[in-house]
Amino acid sequence: MAQATTPANAGLLTTTDSFFSSFKKDDGELDKIFNSFKEFEQTEEELRLNEISTDIFNTYMWVICAIGIPANITIIITIVGMRVLSPATFFVTLLAGYDGMALISKLIGHILIRNEIEQGTVLCKLEFFPSYFSTLANWALILICFERFISVCFPLKKVYLLTKRRCYIAAAVVSVALLLIFTGFFALMREPAGDHNCGTPSKYTKFWAHGWYWISVSLYLFLPFLVITGLTIAIVRSLSQARKHRRSLMRKGSEGGPTSAADQRLLKTTEKTERMITIMLIIASVVFLILSLPACIYFLGHDRDTKGVEEARWNLFSQVAYLMTDSSHAVNFFLYFFTAKRFRSFAFRLFCKKCLPRRVFETSEEKVPSQSTKVSTISHHVDNKI
């Protein structure tokens, strides 16, 4: 039975019919409405992504600094308390100092941005400090890795090549060279731009956006990544060849007659120690890749001309990448603590004398060989002597 038409539903049918009939006349109107809905959804997603990025930016630096600054101070105090100054301990102490300064300078910059503090000419010229100390920390990792490379691959030349004086000179040259590069570019190309920010003069804008961008990223990330990875591979390969040589000596010794018990113990202890070094190097390399790979992807894959939702997604990804790279300045203490027995013993002795009995410290020191070992990362290197 047909439905009766009342004044109420009559108006509804008339309105609906006229609504759809308008699209029959012009199908483009329907596309416009669908596009408007799509733009609305994209705007909602863009706002949501930007809100998440802002939350990460406002929070993560405080957390990393709360952990990393005390951790790096602890590294310095522990190594100084050992009273053993070698090229290895010098570079590790230097790395802890650079990591701590990188976190402090980043936190100061974060506070300036968050509180919209007016940045005058002096602050704009000194804006390079966070980038400088972060880059310097990564180059300190290169120095540590190079020291380990010489120690493992050329042990007979170590005493001659790795003198304290040469290590001091190498650290000073790297520090001064990077300082000259950063101060030169920032002194010339940064100035107050209003709205509590710093900017670049128009005549340098193109170079700042393209030339300096790739120079700074290469110094900070790409070069340390390539050099540390290559040296770490060479160290692992040298350790593997040394292990085969020792096993060959042990087989020859067993065929020609029993060797002394002391020699057997020395060979076995050395093999265990170098196996531990290899594991530490692999762990350090994995940590380095995990912490630095997102930043590599961002700097190589991000098109700075993107806008809208796509740019919001890249912005969120960049915050995650920055979080991970900045974390590299805070994790060294934990790598040292969990992978270097002697460092752990001295840390307990200095900060928690009652945590373990004295005999545990003495036993652990007796078991650790005197041969120095070290780990590198993007993050990170350890001397087994520590």
Protein backbone atom coordinates (compact mmCIF):
# COMPACT_ATOMS: atom_id res chain seq x y z
CA MET A 1 0.00 0.00 0.00
CA ALA A 2 1.45 3.37 -1.00
CA GLN A 3 2.51 5.72 1.77
CA ALA A 4 0.36 8.76 2.24
CA THR A 5 2.00 12.06 1.63
CA THR A 6 1.75 14.37 4.61
CA PRO A 7 3.04 17.92 4.80
CA ALA A 8 6.06 16.74 6.81
CA ASN A 9 7.36 13.98 4.55
CA ALA A 10 6.35 15.87 1.46
CA GLY A 11 8.83 18.60 2.28
CA LEU A 12 11.52 15.98 2.95
CA LEU A 13 10.99 14.21 -0.37
CA THR A 14 10.99 17.47 -2.24
CA THR A 15 14.22 18.63 -0.63
CA THR A 16 15.99 15.30 -1.17
CA ASP A 17 14.90 15.12 -4.78
CA SER A 18 16.11 18.60 -5.52
CA PHE A 19 19.41 17.87 -3.72
CA PHE A 20 20.30 14.87 -5.90
CA SER A 21 18.87 16.37 -9.05
CA SER A 22 21.39 19.19 -8.73
CA PHE A 23 24.24 16.65 -9.04
CA LYS A 24 22.62 15.17 -12.14
CA LYS A 25 22.81 18.58 -13.65
CA ASP A 26 26.43 19.11 -12.60
CA ASP A 27 28.50 16.11 -11.54
CA GLY A 28 31.37 18.44 -10.66
CA GLU A 29 29.51 19.61 -7.57
CA LEU A 30 29.67 16.09 -6.10
CA ASP A 31 33.42 15.96 -6.66
CA LYS A 32 33.80 19.29 -4.91
CA ILE A 33 31.96 18.00 -1.84
CA PHE A 34 34.00 14.82 -1.71
CA ASN A 35 37.19 16.86 -2.07
CA SER A 36 36.08 19.16 0.73
CA PHE A 37 35.51 16.13 3.01
CA LYS A 38 38.96 14.79 2.05
CA GLU A 39 40.59 18.14 2.79
CA PHE A 40 38.82 18.24 6.14
CA GLU A 41 40.13 14.76 7.03
CA GLN A 42 43.64 15.74 5.94
CA THR A 43 43.46 18.89 8.04
CA GLU A 44 42.37 16.85 11.05
CA GLU A 45 45.27 14.40 10.53
CA GLU A 46 47.73 17.23 10.05
CA LEU A 47 46.64 18.89 13.28
CA ARG A 48 46.82 15.60 15.16
CA LEU A 49 50.33 14.81 13.84
CA ASN A 50 51.59 18.29 14.62
CA GLU A 51 50.17 18.02 18.13
CA ILE A 52 52.03 14.73 18.70
CA SER A 53 55.25 16.26 17.33
CA THR A 54 54.89 19.23 19.66
CA ASP A 55 54.33 16.96 22.68
CA ILE A 56 57.47 14.98 21.84
CA PHE A 57 59.49 18.16 21.36
CA ASN A 58 58.30 19.64 24.66
CA THR A 59 59.05 16.50 26.67
CA TYR A 60 61.90 14.38 25.38
CA MET A 61 64.79 16.80 25.95
CA TRP A 62 63.99 17.10 29.66
CA VAL A 63 63.91 13.31 30.05
CA ILE A 64 67.18 12.75 28.16
CA CYS A 65 68.98 15.51 30.08
CA ALA A 66 67.68 14.24 33.42
CA ILE A 67 69.27 10.87 32.62
CA GLY A 68 72.25 11.82 30.47
CA ILE A 69 73.83 14.72 32.37
CA PRO A 70 74.22 12.82 35.68
CA ALA A 71 75.29 9.70 33.73
CA ASN A 72 78.11 11.54 31.96
CA ILE A 73 79.26 13.16 35.20
CA THR A 74 79.33 9.68 36.74
CA ILE A 75 81.54 8.42 33.88
CA ILE A 76 84.05 11.22 34.43
CA ILE A 77 84.15 10.74 38.21
CA THR A 78 84.51 6.95 37.86
CA ILE A 79 87.37 7.12 35.35
CA VAL A 80 89.20 9.82 37.32
CA GLY A 81 88.77 7.67 40.43
CA MET A 82 90.57 4.81 38.69
CA ARG A 83 93.73 6.94 38.61
CA VAL A 84 94.77 5.34 35.32
CA LEU A 85 95.47 7.83 32.53
CA SER A 86 95.90 6.16 29.16
CA PRO A 87 94.86 7.14 25.63
CA ALA A 88 91.74 5.01 26.11
CA THR A 89 90.63 6.57 29.40
CA PHE A 90 91.46 10.06 28.09
CA PHE A 91 89.24 9.67 25.02
CA VAL A 92 86.38 8.12 27.00
CA THR A 93 86.52 10.96 29.54
CA LEU A 94 86.62 13.46 26.68
CA LEU A 95 83.58 11.82 25.10
CA ALA A 96 81.63 12.00 28.37
CA GLY A 97 82.48 15.69 28.68
CA TYR A 98 81.36 16.44 25.11
CA ASP A 99 78.16 14.44 25.57
CA GLY A 100 77.36 16.34 28.76
CA MET A 101 78.02 19.71 27.13
CA ALA A 102 75.89 18.74 24.13
CA LEU A 103 72.94 17.93 26.40
CA ILE A 104 73.37 21.11 28.47
CA SER A 105 73.55 23.36 25.41
CA LYS A 106 70.58 21.61 23.80
CA LEU A 107 68.55 22.08 26.99
CA ILE A 108 69.41 25.80 27.11
CA GLY A 109 68.33 26.20 23.49
CA HIS A 110 65.14 24.26 24.22
CA ILE A 111 64.33 26.61 27.12
CA LEU A 112 64.94 29.68 24.95
CA ILE A 113 62.56 28.41 22.27
CA ARG A 114 59.85 27.22 24.66
CA ASN A 115 59.79 30.47 26.64
CA GLU A 116 60.11 32.66 23.53
CA ILE A 117 63.07 34.53 24.99
CA GLU A 118 64.34 37.30 22.78
CA GLN A 119 67.57 36.25 21.08
CA GLY A 120 69.85 39.16 20.33
CA THR A 121 72.89 39.31 18.13
CA VAL A 122 75.16 37.55 20.64
CA LEU A 123 72.81 34.61 21.21
CA CYS A 124 72.27 34.20 17.48
CA LYS A 125 76.05 34.10 16.89
CA LEU A 126 76.38 31.50 19.67
CA GLU A 127 73.48 29.42 18.36
CA PHE A 128 75.98 26.88 17.03
CA PHE A 129 76.96 25.43 20.44
CA PRO A 130 74.42 22.55 20.50
CA SER A 131 75.40 21.46 16.99
CA TYR A 132 79.09 21.96 17.73
CA PHE A 133 79.20 19.81 20.86
CA SER A 134 77.01 17.12 19.27
CA THR A 135 79.32 16.95 16.26
CA LEU A 136 82.37 17.00 18.53
CA ALA A 137 81.01 14.05 20.52
CA ASN A 138 80.62 12.00 17.34
CA TRP A 139 84.19 12.83 16.30
CA ALA A 140 85.38 11.79 19.75
CA LEU A 141 83.81 8.43 18.94
CA ILE A 142 85.93 8.35 15.80
CA LEU A 143 89.08 8.97 17.88
CA ILE A 144 88.13 6.18 20.28
CA CYS A 145 87.42 3.80 17.42
CA PHE A 146 90.73 4.71 15.75
CA GLU A 147 92.59 4.05 19.02
CA ARG A 148 90.96 0.62 19.27
CA PHE A 149 91.75 -0.06 15.61
CA ILE A 150 95.47 0.63 16.20
CA SER A 151 95.49 -1.40 19.42
CA VAL A 152 93.90 -4.48 17.82
CA CYS A 153 95.26 -4.40 14.27
CA PHE A 154 98.76 -3.03 14.99
CA PRO A 155 99.51 -3.99 18.60
CA LEU A 156 103.31 -3.77 18.17
CA LYS A 157 103.05 -0.17 16.96
CA LYS A 158 100.56 0.94 19.59
CA VAL A 159 103.13 2.23 22.08
CA TYR A 160 104.80 4.33 19.39
CA LEU A 161 101.69 5.61 17.61
CA LEU A 162 99.36 6.17 20.55
CA THR A 163 101.37 8.32 22.91
CA LYS A 164 99.52 10.60 25.31
CA ARG A 165 100.97 13.67 23.63
CA ARG A 166 99.70 12.60 20.20
CA CYS A 167 96.28 11.85 21.63
CA TYR A 168 96.11 15.31 23.21
CA ILE A 169 97.16 16.91 19.92
CA ALA A 170 94.59 14.90 17.93
CA ALA A 171 91.77 15.90 20.28
CA ALA A 172 92.86 19.56 20.18
CA VAL A 173 93.09 19.63 16.38
CA VAL A 174 89.60 18.14 15.95
CA SER A 175 88.10 20.52 18.53
CA VAL A 176 89.71 23.65 17.08
CA ALA A 177 88.97 22.71 13.46
CA LEU A 178 85.27 22.13 14.13
CA LEU A 179 85.10 25.29 16.26
CA LEU A 180 86.51 27.39 13.43
CA ILE A 181 84.03 25.92 10.95
CA PHE A 182 80.99 26.51 13.13
CA THR A 183 81.96 29.96 14.42
CA GLY A 184 82.84 31.12 10.92
CA PHE A 185 79.51 30.20 9.35
CA PHE A 186 77.32 31.26 12.28
CA ALA A 187 79.12 34.56 12.84
CA LEU A 188 78.61 35.44 9.18
CA MET A 189 75.17 34.02 8.48
CA ARG A 190 73.06 34.30 11.65
CA GLU A 191 71.36 37.40 13.01
CA PRO A 192 68.16 38.33 14.89
CA ALA A 193 65.06 37.92 12.73
CA GLY A 194 62.32 39.09 15.08
CA ASP A 195 59.64 37.00 16.79
CA HIS A 196 62.26 35.73 19.30
CA ASN A 197 64.08 33.83 16.51
CA CYS A 198 67.33 33.99 14.56
CA GLY A 199 67.48 34.17 10.79
CA THR A 200 69.84 34.31 7.84
CA PRO A 201 70.49 37.42 5.68
CA SER A 202 68.84 37.18 2.28
CA LYS A 203 72.17 37.06 0.41
CA TYR A 204 73.14 33.89 2.30
CA THR A 205 69.74 32.18 2.42
CA LYS A 206 70.35 29.86 -0.53
CA PHE A 207 73.74 28.70 0.73
CA TRP A 208 72.43 28.26 4.28
CA ALA A 209 69.49 26.17 3.08
CA HIS A 210 71.50 23.96 0.74
CA GLY A 211 75.28 24.28 1.19
CA TRP A 212 75.60 24.59 4.96
CA TYR A 213 72.74 22.14 5.46
CA TRP A 214 74.69 19.30 3.83
CA ILE A 215 78.03 20.38 5.31
CA SER A 216 76.67 20.29 8.87
CA VAL A 217 74.79 17.01 8.36
CA SER A 218 77.89 15.38 6.87
CA LEU A 219 80.11 16.52 9.74
CA TYR A 220 77.57 15.52 12.35
CA LEU A 221 76.21 12.26 11.00
CA PHE A 222 77.34 10.86 7.64
CA LEU A 223 81.14 10.99 8.05
CA PRO A 224 81.16 9.58 11.61
CA PHE A 225 78.73 6.87 10.51
CA LEU A 226 80.93 5.74 7.61
CA VAL A 227 84.26 5.97 9.45
CA ILE A 228 83.09 4.25 12.65
CA THR A 229 81.35 1.49 10.72
CA GLY A 230 84.44 0.83 8.59
CA LEU A 231 86.82 0.77 11.57
CA THR A 232 84.48 -1.47 13.56
CA ILE A 233 84.34 -3.98 10.70
CA ALA A 234 88.15 -3.94 10.48
CA ILE A 235 88.44 -4.55 14.25
CA VAL A 236 86.03 -7.49 14.15
CA ARG A 237 87.88 -8.99 11.19
CA SER A 238 91.25 -8.63 12.94
CA LEU A 239 89.88 -10.30 16.08
CA SER A 240 88.54 -13.20 14.00
CA GLN A 241 91.91 -13.74 12.31
CA ALA A 242 93.71 -13.57 15.67
CA ARG A 243 91.36 -16.22 17.07
CA LYS A 244 92.16 -18.60 14.21
CA HIS A 245 95.88 -18.03 14.73
CA ARG A 246 95.63 -18.81 18.45
CA ARG A 247 93.69 -22.02 17.81
CA SER A 248 96.36 -23.07 15.32
CA LEU A 249 99.03 -22.49 17.96
CA MET A 250 97.06 -24.51 20.51
CA ARG A 251 96.69 -27.43 18.07
CA LYS A 252 100.42 -27.38 17.27
CA GLY A 253 101.20 -27.29 20.96
CA SER A 254 99.01 -30.30 21.68
CA GLU A 255 100.60 -32.24 18.79
CA GLY A 256 104.17 -31.41 19.76
CA GLY A 257 103.67 -32.05 23.44
CA PRO A 258 101.94 -30.41 26.34
CA THR A 259 102.59 -26.72 26.74
CA SER A 260 102.86 -25.09 30.12
CA ALA A 261 99.67 -24.62 32.10
CA ALA A 262 100.33 -20.87 32.24
CA ASP A 263 100.50 -20.63 28.44
CA GLN A 264 97.27 -22.61 28.06
CA ARG A 265 95.50 -20.39 30.55
CA LEU A 266 96.82 -17.27 28.81
CA LEU A 267 95.59 -18.44 25.39
CA LYS A 268 92.16 -19.37 26.75
CA THR A 269 91.83 -16.13 28.71
CA THR A 270 92.83 -14.09 25.67
CA GLU A 271 90.31 -15.90 23.49
CA LYS A 272 87.51 -15.33 26.01
CA THR A 273 88.45 -11.67 26.31
CA GLU A 274 88.46 -11.09 22.57
CA ARG A 275 85.19 -12.99 22.20
CA MET A 276 83.73 -10.54 24.71
CA ILE A 277 85.20 -7.65 22.72
CA THR A 278 83.58 -8.95 19.54
CA ILE A 279 80.20 -9.21 21.25
CA MET A 280 80.58 -5.69 22.63
CA LEU A 281 81.49 -4.35 19.19
CA ILE A 282 78.47 -6.02 17.61
CA ILE A 283 76.16 -4.67 20.32
CA ALA A 284 77.68 -1.21 19.98
CA SER A 285 77.26 -1.29 16.20
CA VAL A 286 73.63 -2.34 16.49
CA VAL A 287 72.96 0.44 19.02
CA PHE A 288 74.69 2.92 16.75
CA LEU A 289 72.63 1.86 13.72
CA ILE A 290 69.37 1.94 15.64
CA LEU A 291 70.01 5.42 17.00
CA SER A 292 71.39 7.01 13.83
CA LEU A 293 69.54 5.28 10.99
CA PRO A 294 66.26 7.26 11.37
CA ALA A 295 68.23 10.52 11.17
CA CYS A 296 70.02 9.29 8.03
CA ILE A 297 66.66 8.42 6.45
CA TYR A 298 65.22 11.80 7.38
CA PHE A 299 68.09 13.91 6.06
CA LEU A 300 68.36 11.91 2.83
CA GLY A 301 64.65 11.35 2.16
CA HIS A 302 62.94 14.52 3.34
CA ASP A 303 61.90 16.94 0.62
CA ARG A 304 61.72 20.36 2.26
CA ASP A 305 59.20 21.55 -0.34
CA THR A 306 56.47 19.22 0.93
CA LYS A 307 53.44 20.70 2.66
CA GLY A 308 50.26 19.67 4.40
CA VAL A 309 49.81 16.19 5.79
CA GLU A 310 52.96 14.82 4.21
CA GLU A 311 55.07 17.52 5.85
CA ALA A 312 53.34 16.83 9.18
CA ARG A 313 54.29 13.17 8.86
CA TRP A 314 57.91 14.08 8.14
CA ASN A 315 57.85 16.48 11.08
CA LEU A 316 56.73 13.69 13.41
CA PHE A 317 59.38 11.37 11.99
CA SER A 318 62.03 14.05 12.49
CA GLN A 319 61.12 14.41 16.16
CA VAL A 320 61.53 10.66 16.64
CA ALA A 321 64.88 10.79 14.78
CA TYR A 322 66.10 13.70 16.91
CA LEU A 323 65.02 11.88 20.06
CA MET A 324 67.07 8.84 19.10
CA THR A 325 70.19 10.77 18.04
CA ASP A 326 70.08 12.92 21.17
CA SER A 327 69.73 9.74 23.23
CA SER A 328 73.16 8.72 21.98
CA HIS A 329 74.60 11.37 24.33
CA ALA A 330 72.99 9.68 27.33
CA VAL A 331 73.45 5.92 26.83
CA ASN A 332 77.23 5.60 27.12
CA PHE A 333 77.17 5.11 30.88
CA PHE A 334 74.79 2.18 30.59
CA LEU A 335 76.87 0.56 27.83
CA TYR A 336 80.00 0.89 29.94
CA PHE A 337 78.25 -0.31 33.08
CA PHE A 338 76.76 -3.46 31.59
CA THR A 339 79.66 -4.45 29.30
CA ALA A 340 82.81 -3.45 31.23
CA LYS A 341 83.25 -5.36 34.48
CA ARG A 342 86.02 -3.18 35.86
CA PHE A 343 84.10 0.04 35.19
CA ARG A 344 81.09 -1.45 36.97
CA SER A 345 83.24 -2.43 39.97
CA PHE A 346 84.74 1.05 40.30
CA ALA A 347 81.33 2.70 39.93
CA PHE A 348 79.95 0.55 42.74
CA ARG A 349 82.99 1.27 44.86
CA LEU A 350 82.67 5.04 44.42
CA PHE A 351 78.91 5.46 44.71
CA CYS A 352 77.61 2.39 46.49
CA LYS A 353 80.27 0.89 48.73
CA LYS A 354 77.72 -1.11 50.69
CA CYS A 355 75.97 -2.58 47.62
CA LEU A 356 78.49 -5.42 47.30
CA PRO A 357 81.16 -6.76 49.65
CA ARG A 358 84.76 -5.68 49.12
CA ARG A 359 85.87 -9.14 48.05
CA VAL A 360 83.56 -8.95 45.00
CA PHE A 361 85.44 -5.91 43.75
CA GLU A 362 88.81 -7.52 44.33
CA THR A 363 87.75 -10.77 42.62
CA SER A 364 86.35 -8.96 39.61
CA GLU A 365 89.55 -6.96 39.16
CA GLU A 366 91.68 -10.08 39.32
CA LYS A 367 89.66 -11.76 36.61
CA VAL A 368 89.84 -8.86 34.17
CA PRO A 369 92.92 -9.13 31.91
CA SER A 370 95.21 -6.15 31.68
CA GLN A 371 94.86 -6.02 27.91
CA SER A 372 92.93 -2.89 26.98
CA THR A 373 89.82 -3.26 24.90
CA LYS A 374 87.34 -0.80 23.58
CA VAL A 375 83.96 -0.56 21.98
CA SER A 376 82.75 2.01 19.44
CA THR A 377 79.22 3.21 18.68
CA ILE A 378 77.17 6.64 16.89
CA SER A 379 76.99 5.91 19.05
CA HIS A 380 79.75 4.23 21.47
CA HIS A 381 83.00 2.79 22.64
CA VAL A 382 84.33 1.15 25.77
CA ASP A 383 87.76 0.25 26.96
CA ASN A 384 87.73 -3.09 28.75
CA LYS A 385 90.45 -1.58 30.86
CA ILE A 386 87.80 0.72 32.29
